[in-house]
Amino acid sequence: MLSIDEDDGDILDIKTLVLDEDILSDIPLERRLIFVLAESTSTYLFHQSIKDAIMAIKPEGLQFFRADQWGSSAVFQ
């Protein structure tokens, strides 16, 4: 679900993110390890294996959310 600016049609907010697992399964894993949403270029999606590798070095100031639990207010929960 998106919030769209009525004046210019820009996407203001993504309220719900839904990924089609059938479509994803048709994309080779190496092509879907990391991708950026076209609707929100500040939103990155990481495969669990990438997230695990990043978290193994114990970074500070970084937070991950599962895609099925992500929303515009996720950082405040």
Protein backbone atom coordinates (compact mmCIF):
# COMPACT_ATOMS: atom_id res chain seq x y z
CA MET A 1 0.00 0.00 0.00
CA LEU A 2 1.39 3.39 -1.03
CA SER A 3 0.74 7.01 -0.13
CA ILE A 4 0.93 9.06 -3.33
CA ASP A 5 1.21 12.84 -3.70
CA GLU A 6 -1.93 13.98 -5.49
CA ASP A 7 -0.13 16.92 -7.11
CA ASP A 8 2.80 15.20 -8.79
CA GLY A 9 2.16 11.47 -8.32
CA ASP A 10 5.33 10.93 -6.29
CA ILE A 11 5.31 8.12 -3.76
CA LEU A 12 5.38 9.61 -0.27
CA ASP A 13 5.23 6.48 1.85
CA ILE A 14 5.14 2.70 1.55
CA LYS A 15 2.77 1.41 4.21
CA THR A 16 3.00 -2.29 3.37
CA LEU A 17 5.58 -4.28 1.46
CA VAL A 18 4.49 -7.50 -0.23
CA LEU A 19 6.92 -9.73 -2.12
CA ASP A 20 5.60 -12.36 -4.53
CA GLU A 21 7.51 -15.53 -3.67
CA ASP A 22 6.62 -17.14 -7.00
CA ILE A 23 8.23 -14.28 -8.90
CA LEU A 24 11.24 -14.21 -6.57
CA SER A 25 11.80 -17.94 -6.99
CA ASP A 26 12.16 -17.39 -10.77
CA ILE A 27 15.08 -14.99 -10.19
CA PRO A 28 18.45 -16.68 -9.58
CA LEU A 29 19.62 -16.21 -5.99
CA GLU A 30 22.76 -14.33 -7.00
CA ARG A 31 20.58 -11.71 -8.73
CA ARG A 32 18.36 -11.12 -5.68
CA LEU A 33 20.79 -11.02 -2.76
CA ILE A 34 20.48 -7.22 -2.52
CA PHE A 35 18.09 -4.93 -4.32
CA VAL A 36 16.59 -1.47 -4.03
CA LEU A 37 12.88 -0.76 -4.36
CA ALA A 38 12.14 1.33 -7.44
CA GLU A 39 9.36 2.97 -5.43
CA SER A 40 11.71 3.98 -2.62
CA THR A 41 15.39 4.21 -3.50
CA SER A 42 16.27 4.58 0.18
CA THR A 43 14.83 1.11 0.91
CA TYR A 44 17.19 -1.82 0.44
CA LEU A 45 16.25 -5.47 0.63
CA PHE A 46 18.92 -7.96 1.71
CA HIS A 47 18.83 -11.74 1.50
CA GLN A 48 19.11 -13.41 4.91
CA SER A 49 22.63 -14.66 4.06
CA ILE A 50 23.81 -11.08 3.43
CA LYS A 51 22.19 -9.87 6.64
CA ASP A 52 23.88 -12.67 8.59
CA ALA A 53 27.30 -11.81 7.13
CA ILE A 54 26.87 -8.13 8.00
CA MET A 55 25.67 -8.85 11.53
CA ALA A 56 28.62 -11.21 12.09
CA ILE A 57 30.92 -8.19 12.29
CA LYS A 58 28.62 -6.54 14.89
CA PRO A 59 28.05 -3.17 13.15
CA GLU A 60 26.80 -0.22 15.16
CA GLY A 61 23.84 1.91 14.13
CA LEU A 62 22.41 -0.62 11.70
CA GLN A 63 19.06 -2.33 11.97
CA PHE A 64 17.35 -4.94 9.79
CA PHE A 65 13.66 -5.77 9.55
CA ARG A 66 12.06 -8.82 8.00
CA ALA A 67 10.22 -7.86 4.81
CA ASP A 68 6.94 -9.18 6.23
CA GLN A 69 7.37 -7.02 9.35
CA TRP A 70 8.59 -3.86 7.64
CA GLY A 71 6.52 -0.72 7.30
CA SER A 72 7.06 3.02 7.45
CA SER A 73 6.78 2.94 11.25
CA ALA A 74 9.00 -0.13 11.82
CA VAL A 75 11.94 1.92 13.08
CA PHE A 76 9.77 3.27 15.91
CA GLN A 77 8.71 -0.13 17.24
